Amino acid sequence: MADQAAELARDIEVVTRALESSRIHLTALARAEDVRELRRPTHSPLLTLIEQAEEAAARVTRYLRVKPRP
C-alpha cells in the first residue's frame, strides 16, 4: 500500500509540473496579447482554473507523502 501511495504521489507531481508549465505559457500568451492590443492586463478564467488545479494537486501530493503507512 505504501508503494502505491508513493507511485501516486509521483504521478500527481507530473501533473503538477504540467499545470505549472501550462500556467507559465498561458500567462505569457495573455501578457503578449494585452501588450499587442495596448490594454491593461486582463483576468483569465482559464489561468485561475489552472492555478486552482495546481493548489489541489499540491494538497494531494502532501497527503500522499505524509499518509501513515501500515
PDB file of N, CA and C in Angstrom:
ATOM      1  N   MET A   1       0.817  -1.196   0.000  1.00  0.00           N
ATOM      2  CA  MET A   1       0.000   0.000   0.000  1.00  0.00           C
ATOM      3  C   MET A   1       0.863   1.263   0.000  1.00  0.00           C
ATOM      4  N   ALA A   2       1.967   1.212   0.746  1.00  0.00           N
ATOM      5  CA  ALA A   2       2.869   2.360   0.782  1.00  0.00           C
ATOM      6  C   ALA A   2       3.480   2.605  -0.589  1.00  0.00           C
ATOM      7  N   ASP A   3       3.790   1.526  -1.305  1.00  0.00           N
ATOM      8  CA  ASP A   3       4.342   1.668  -2.652  1.00  0.00           C
ATOM      9  C   ASP A   3       3.345   2.342  -3.575  1.00  0.00           C
ATOM     10  N   GLN A   4       2.075   1.988  -3.418  1.00  0.00           N
ATOM     11  CA  GLN A   4       1.044   2.578  -4.259  1.00  0.00           C
ATOM     12  C   GLN A   4       0.908   4.077  -3.971  1.00  0.00           C
ATOM     13  N   ALA A   5       0.947   4.468  -2.713  1.00  0.00           N
ATOM     14  CA  ALA A   5       0.857   5.884  -2.348  1.00  0.00           C
ATOM     15  C   ALA A   5       2.046   6.654  -2.908  1.00  0.00           C
ATOM     16  N   ALA A   6       3.237   6.068  -2.833  1.00  0.00           N
ATOM     17  CA  ALA A   6       4.427   6.734  -3.371  1.00  0.00           C
ATOM     18  C   ALA A   6       4.322   6.882  -4.884  1.00  0.00           C
ATOM     19  N   GLU A   7       3.818   5.852  -5.546  1.00  0.00           N
ATOM     20  CA  GLU A   7       3.649   5.917  -7.002  1.00  0.00           C
ATOM     21  C   GLU A   7       2.619   6.973  -7.389  1.00  0.00           C
ATOM     22  N   LEU A   8       1.528   7.026  -6.651  1.00  0.00           N
ATOM     23  CA  LEU A   8       0.509   8.038  -6.922  1.00  0.00           C
ATOM     24  C   LEU A   8       1.048   9.443  -6.682  1.00  0.00           C
ATOM     25  N   ALA A   9       1.868   9.600  -5.649  1.00  0.00           N
ATOM     26  CA  ALA A   9       2.475  10.900  -5.374  1.00  0.00           C
ATOM     27  C   ALA A   9       3.375  11.319  -6.532  1.00  0.00           C
ATOM     28  N   ARG A  10       4.141  10.391  -7.075  1.00  0.00           N
ATOM     29  CA  ARG A  10       4.993  10.721  -8.235  1.00  0.00           C
ATOM     30  C   ARG A  10       4.143  11.092  -9.437  1.00  0.00           C
ATOM     31  N   ASP A  11       3.043  10.365  -9.638  1.00  0.00           N
ATOM     32  CA  ASP A  11       2.157  10.676 -10.764  1.00  0.00           C
ATOM     33  C   ASP A  11       1.553  12.072 -10.637  1.00  0.00           C
ATOM     34  N   ILE A  12       1.115  12.423  -9.438  1.00  0.00           N
ATOM     35  CA  ILE A  12       0.492  13.734  -9.255  1.00  0.00           C
ATOM     36  C   ILE A  12       1.531  14.842  -9.379  1.00  0.00           C
ATOM     37  N   GLU A  13       2.792  14.550  -9.062  1.00  0.00           N
ATOM     38  CA  GLU A  13       3.850  15.542  -9.263  1.00  0.00           C
ATOM     39  C   GLU A  13       4.064  15.815 -10.746  1.00  0.00           C
ATOM     40  N   VAL A  14       3.894  14.812 -11.586  1.00  0.00           N
ATOM     41  CA  VAL A  14       3.967  15.012 -13.039  1.00  0.00           C
ATOM     42  C   VAL A  14       2.840  15.947 -13.479  1.00  0.00           C
ATOM     43  N   VAL A  15       1.661  15.714 -12.930  1.00  0.00           N
ATOM     44  CA  VAL A  15       0.516  16.581 -13.242  1.00  0.00           C
ATOM     45  C   VAL A  15       0.801  18.010 -12.780  1.00  0.00           C
ATOM     46  N   THR A  16       1.373  18.138 -11.609  1.00  0.00           N
ATOM     47  CA  THR A  16       1.699  19.462 -11.065  1.00  0.00           C
ATOM     48  C   THR A  16       2.675  20.202 -11.982  1.00  0.00           C
ATOM     49  N   ARG A  17       3.693  19.503 -12.458  1.00  0.00           N
ATOM     50  CA  ARG A  17       4.658  20.142 -13.370  1.00  0.00           C
ATOM     51  C   ARG A  17       3.991  20.553 -14.680  1.00  0.00           C
ATOM     52  N   ALA A  18       3.082  19.734 -15.186  1.00  0.00           N
ATOM     53  CA  ALA A  18       2.364  20.070 -16.422  1.00  0.00           C
ATOM     54  C   ALA A  18       1.481  21.298 -16.209  1.00  0.00           C
ATOM     55  N   LEU A  19       0.825  21.354 -15.067  1.00  0.00           N
ATOM     56  CA  LEU A  19      -0.008  22.515 -14.762  1.00  0.00           C
ATOM     57  C   LEU A  19       0.833  23.778 -14.624  1.00  0.00           C
ATOM     58  N   GLU A  20       1.973  23.653 -13.972  1.00  0.00           N
ATOM     59  CA  GLU A  20       2.861  24.805 -13.816  1.00  0.00           C
ATOM     60  C   GLU A  20       3.334  25.318 -15.172  1.00  0.00           C
ATOM     61  N   SER A  21       3.726  24.414 -16.030  1.00  0.00           N
ATOM     62  CA  SER A  21       4.164  24.795 -17.372  1.00  0.00           C
ATOM     63  C   SER A  21       3.022  25.462 -18.149  1.00  0.00           C
ATOM     64  N   SER A  22       1.834  24.906 -18.031  1.00  0.00           N
ATOM     65  CA  SER A  22       0.666  25.486 -18.708  1.00  0.00           C
ATOM     66  C   SER A  22       0.386  26.890 -18.195  1.00  0.00           C
ATOM     67  N   ARG A  23       0.481  27.071 -16.873  1.00  0.00           N
ATOM     68  CA  ARG A  23       0.241  28.389 -16.282  1.00  0.00           C
ATOM     69  C   ARG A  23       1.247  29.407 -16.788  1.00  0.00           C
ATOM     70  N   ILE A  24       2.508  29.017 -16.850  1.00  0.00           N
ATOM     71  CA  ILE A  24       3.558  29.928 -17.311  1.00  0.00           C
ATOM     72  C   ILE A  24       3.320  30.334 -18.766  1.00  0.00           C
ATOM     73  N   HIS A  25       3.014  29.355 -19.606  1.00  0.00           N
ATOM     74  CA  HIS A  25       2.781  29.661 -21.021  1.00  0.00           C
ATOM     75  C   HIS A  25       1.519  30.490 -21.219  1.00  0.00           C
ATOM     76  N   LEU A  26       0.475  30.169 -20.504  1.00  0.00           N
ATOM     77  CA  LEU A  26      -0.772  30.922 -20.619  1.00  0.00           C
ATOM     78  C   LEU A  26      -0.581  32.361 -20.165  1.00  0.00           C
ATOM     79  N   THR A  27       0.158  32.552 -19.088  1.00  0.00           N
ATOM     80  CA  THR A  27       0.442  33.904 -18.597  1.00  0.00           C
ATOM     81  C   THR A  27       1.210  34.706 -19.649  1.00  0.00           C
ATOM     82  N   ALA A  28       2.210  34.091 -20.243  1.00  0.00           N
ATOM     83  CA  ALA A  28       2.995  34.773 -21.273  1.00  0.00           C
ATOM     84  C   ALA A  28       2.128  35.130 -22.482  1.00  0.00           C
ATOM     85  N   LEU A  29       1.292  34.209 -22.900  1.00  0.00           N
ATOM     86  CA  LEU A  29       0.408  34.485 -24.035  1.00  0.00           C
ATOM     87  C   LEU A  29      -0.577  35.607 -23.718  1.00  0.00           C
ATOM     88  N   ALA A  30      -1.143  35.591 -22.525  1.00  0.00           N
ATOM     89  CA  ALA A  30      -2.090  36.632 -22.133  1.00  0.00           C
ATOM     90  C   ALA A  30      -1.416  37.993 -22.073  1.00  0.00           C
ATOM     91  N   ARG A  31      -0.210  38.041 -21.524  1.00  0.00           N
ATOM     92  CA  ARG A  31       0.521  39.317 -21.452  1.00  0.00           C
ATOM     93  C   ARG A  31       0.870  39.824 -22.848  1.00  0.00           C
ATOM     94  N   ALA A  32       1.292  38.925 -23.713  1.00  0.00           N
ATOM     95  CA  ALA A  32       1.626  39.331 -25.076  1.00  0.00           C
ATOM     96  C   ALA A  32       0.394  39.881 -25.794  1.00  0.00           C
ATOM     97  N   GLU A  33      -0.736  39.239 -25.602  1.00  0.00           N
ATOM     98  CA  GLU A  33      -1.959  39.726 -26.240  1.00  0.00           C
ATOM     99  C   GLU A  33      -2.372  41.082 -25.683  1.00  0.00           C
ATOM    100  N   ASP A  34      -2.235  41.262 -24.367  1.00  0.00           N
ATOM    101  CA  ASP A  34      -2.561  42.546 -23.764  1.00  0.00           C
ATOM    102  C   ASP A  34      -1.662  43.655 -24.315  1.00  0.00           C
ATOM    103  N   VAL A  35      -0.385  43.369 -24.457  1.00  0.00           N
ATOM    104  CA  VAL A  35       0.555  44.360 -24.991  1.00  0.00           C
ATOM    105  C   VAL A  35       0.237  44.658 -26.451  1.00  0.00           C
ATOM    106  N   ARG A  36      -0.050  43.615 -27.205  1.00  0.00           N
ATOM    107  CA  ARG A  36      -0.363  43.795 -28.623  1.00  0.00           C
ATOM    108  C   ARG A  36      -1.611  44.658 -28.800  1.00  0.00           C
ATOM    109  N   GLU A  37      -2.580  44.469 -27.935  1.00  0.00           N
ATOM    110  CA  GLU A  37      -3.827  45.217 -28.020  1.00  0.00           C
ATOM    111  C   GLU A  37      -3.751  46.551 -27.264  1.00  0.00           C
ATOM    112  N   LEU A  38      -2.598  46.843 -26.671  1.00  0.00           N
ATOM    113  CA  LEU A  38      -2.381  48.068 -25.898  1.00  0.00           C
ATOM    114  C   LEU A  38      -3.450  48.252 -24.823  1.00  0.00           C
ATOM    115  N   ARG A  39      -3.657  47.199 -24.042  1.00  0.00           N
ATOM    116  CA  ARG A  39      -4.658  47.274 -22.982  1.00  0.00           C
ATOM    117  C   ARG A  39      -4.040  46.838 -21.657  1.00  0.00           C
ATOM    118  N   ARG A  40      -4.762  47.140 -20.602  1.00  0.00           N
ATOM    119  CA  ARG A  40      -4.323  46.736 -19.273  1.00  0.00           C
ATOM    120  C   ARG A  40      -4.419  45.214 -19.161  1.00  0.00           C
ATOM    121  N   PRO A  41      -3.647  44.634 -18.249  1.00  0.00           N
ATOM    122  CA  PRO A  41      -3.727  43.178 -18.065  1.00  0.00           C
ATOM    123  C   PRO A  41      -5.166  42.752 -17.754  1.00  0.00           C
ATOM    124  N   THR A  42      -5.606  41.701 -18.412  1.00  0.00           N
ATOM    125  CA  THR A  42      -6.969  41.212 -18.225  1.00  0.00           C
ATOM    126  C   THR A  42      -6.968  39.942 -17.386  1.00  0.00           C
ATOM    127  N   HIS A  43      -8.112  39.672 -16.812  1.00  0.00           N
ATOM    128  CA  HIS A  43      -8.299  38.472 -15.991  1.00  0.00           C
ATOM    129  C   HIS A  43      -8.573  37.280 -16.903  1.00  0.00           C
ATOM    130  N   SER A  44      -7.930  36.162 -16.615  1.00  0.00           N
ATOM    131  CA  SER A  44      -8.137  34.956 -17.405  1.00  0.00           C
ATOM    132  C   SER A  44      -8.771  33.872 -16.536  1.00  0.00           C
ATOM    133  N   PRO A  45     -10.025  33.522 -16.811  1.00  0.00           N
ATOM    134  CA  PRO A  45     -10.650  32.440 -16.048  1.00  0.00           C
ATOM    135  C   PRO A  45      -9.893  31.112 -16.192  1.00  0.00           C
ATOM    136  N   LEU A  46      -9.316  30.877 -17.362  1.00  0.00           N
ATOM    137  CA  LEU A  46      -8.554  29.640 -17.556  1.00  0.00           C
ATOM    138  C   LEU A  46      -7.313  29.630 -16.674  1.00  0.00           C
ATOM    139  N   LEU A  47      -6.652  30.769 -16.557  1.00  0.00           N
ATOM    140  CA  LEU A  47      -5.477  30.863 -15.682  1.00  0.00           C
ATOM    141  C   LEU A  47      -5.881  30.602 -14.232  1.00  0.00           C
ATOM    142  N   THR A  48      -7.006  31.143 -13.811  1.00  0.00           N
ATOM    143  CA  THR A  48      -7.499  30.904 -12.458  1.00  0.00           C
ATOM    144  C   THR A  48      -7.762  29.419 -12.234  1.00  0.00           C
ATOM    145  N   LEU A  49      -8.362  28.771 -13.210  1.00  0.00           N
ATOM    146  CA  LEU A  49      -8.646  27.343 -13.112  1.00  0.00           C
ATOM    147  C   LEU A  49      -7.360  26.528 -12.986  1.00  0.00           C
ATOM    148  N   ILE A  50      -6.357  26.872 -13.768  1.00  0.00           N
ATOM    149  CA  ILE A  50      -5.076  26.167 -13.706  1.00  0.00           C
ATOM    150  C   ILE A  50      -4.420  26.377 -12.343  1.00  0.00           C
ATOM    151  N   GLU A  51      -4.480  27.597 -11.822  1.00  0.00           N
ATOM    152  CA  GLU A  51      -3.898  27.866 -10.501  1.00  0.00           C
ATOM    153  C   GLU A  51      -4.605  27.055  -9.419  1.00  0.00           C
ATOM    154  N   GLN A  52      -5.932  26.946  -9.503  1.00  0.00           N
ATOM    155  CA  GLN A  52      -6.679  26.155  -8.535  1.00  0.00           C
ATOM    156  C   GLN A  52      -6.327  24.665  -8.650  1.00  0.00           C
ATOM    157  N   ALA A  53      -6.152  24.199  -9.865  1.00  0.00           N
ATOM    158  CA  ALA A  53      -5.766  22.800 -10.074  1.00  0.00           C
ATOM    159  C   ALA A  53      -4.370  22.537  -9.506  1.00  0.00           C
ATOM    160  N   GLU A  54      -3.460  23.501  -9.668  1.00  0.00           N
ATOM    161  CA  GLU A  54      -2.120  23.361  -9.086  1.00  0.00           C
ATOM    162  C   GLU A  54      -2.198  23.230  -7.568  1.00  0.00           C
ATOM    163  N   GLU A  55      -3.022  24.065  -6.946  1.00  0.00           N
ATOM    164  CA  GLU A  55      -3.165  24.023  -5.494  1.00  0.00           C
ATOM    165  C   GLU A  55      -3.745  22.678  -5.048  1.00  0.00           C
ATOM    166  N   ALA A  56      -4.740  22.190  -5.760  1.00  0.00           N
ATOM    167  CA  ALA A  56      -5.338  20.891  -5.417  1.00  0.00           C
ATOM    168  C   ALA A  56      -4.327  19.764  -5.574  1.00  0.00           C
ATOM    169  N   ALA A  57      -3.554  19.802  -6.653  1.00  0.00           N
ATOM    170  CA  ALA A  57      -2.538  18.771  -6.878  1.00  0.00           C
ATOM    171  C   ALA A  57      -1.481  18.802  -5.778  1.00  0.00           C
ATOM    172  N   ALA A  58      -1.115  19.989  -5.331  1.00  0.00           N
ATOM    173  CA  ALA A  58      -0.132  20.107  -4.244  1.00  0.00           C
ATOM    174  C   ALA A  58      -0.683  19.521  -2.943  1.00  0.00           C
ATOM    175  N   ARG A  59      -1.976  19.765  -2.670  1.00  0.00           N
ATOM    176  CA  ARG A  59      -2.594  19.187  -1.467  1.00  0.00           C
ATOM    177  C   ARG A  59      -2.607  17.662  -1.534  1.00  0.00           C
ATOM    178  N   VAL A  60      -2.936  17.125  -2.706  1.00  0.00           N
ATOM    179  CA  VAL A  60      -2.965  15.668  -2.868  1.00  0.00           C
ATOM    180  C   VAL A  60      -1.563  15.092  -2.679  1.00  0.00           C
ATOM    181  N   THR A  61      -0.565  15.749  -3.239  1.00  0.00           N
ATOM    182  CA  THR A  61       0.816  15.285  -3.091  1.00  0.00           C
ATOM    183  C   THR A  61       1.215  15.268  -1.618  1.00  0.00           C
ATOM    184  N   ARG A  62       0.909  16.357  -0.904  1.00  0.00           N
ATOM    185  CA  ARG A  62       1.248  16.401   0.529  1.00  0.00           C
ATOM    186  C   ARG A  62       0.545  15.280   1.282  1.00  0.00           C
ATOM    187  N   TYR A  63      -0.717  15.051   0.969  1.00  0.00           N
ATOM    188  CA  TYR A  63      -1.470  13.993   1.641  1.00  0.00           C
ATOM    189  C   TYR A  63      -0.822  12.635   1.388  1.00  0.00           C
ATOM    190  N   LEU A  64      -0.474  12.364   0.139  1.00  0.00           N
ATOM    191  CA  LEU A  64       0.110  11.078  -0.194  1.00  0.00           C
ATOM    192  C   LEU A  64       1.494  10.902   0.419  1.00  0.00           C
ATOM    193  N   ARG A  65       2.236  11.991   0.563  1.00  0.00           N
ATOM    194  CA  ARG A  65       3.585  11.902   1.153  1.00  0.00           C
ATOM    195  C   ARG A  65       3.551  11.666   2.651  1.00  0.00           C
ATOM    196  N   VAL A  66       2.576  12.228   3.342  1.00  0.00           N
ATOM    197  CA  VAL A  66       2.549  12.110   4.815  1.00  0.00           C
ATOM    198  C   VAL A  66       1.552  11.053   5.287  1.00  0.00           C
ATOM    199  N   LYS A  67       0.896  10.400   4.366  1.00  0.00           N
ATOM    200  CA  LYS A  67      -0.091   9.375   4.725  1.00  0.00           C
ATOM    201  C   LYS A  67       0.589   8.309   5.572  1.00  0.00           C
ATOM    202  N   PRO A  68      -0.023   7.990   6.719  1.00  0.00           N
ATOM    203  CA  PRO A  68       0.573   6.944   7.573  1.00  0.00           C
ATOM    204  C   PRO A  68       0.657   5.610   6.846  1.00  0.00           C
ATOM    205  N   ARG A  69       1.764   4.969   7.019  1.00  0.00           N
ATOM    206  CA  ARG A  69       1.964   3.678   6.370  1.00  0.00           C
ATOM    207  C   ARG A  69       1.682   2.561   7.358  1.00  0.00           C
ATOM    208  N   PRO A  70       0.924   1.542   6.924  1.00  0.00           N
ATOM    209  CA  PRO A  70       0.585   0.444   7.843  1.00  0.00           C
ATOM    210  C   PRO A  70       1.785  -0.438   8.173  1.00  0.00           C
TER     211      PRO A  70
END
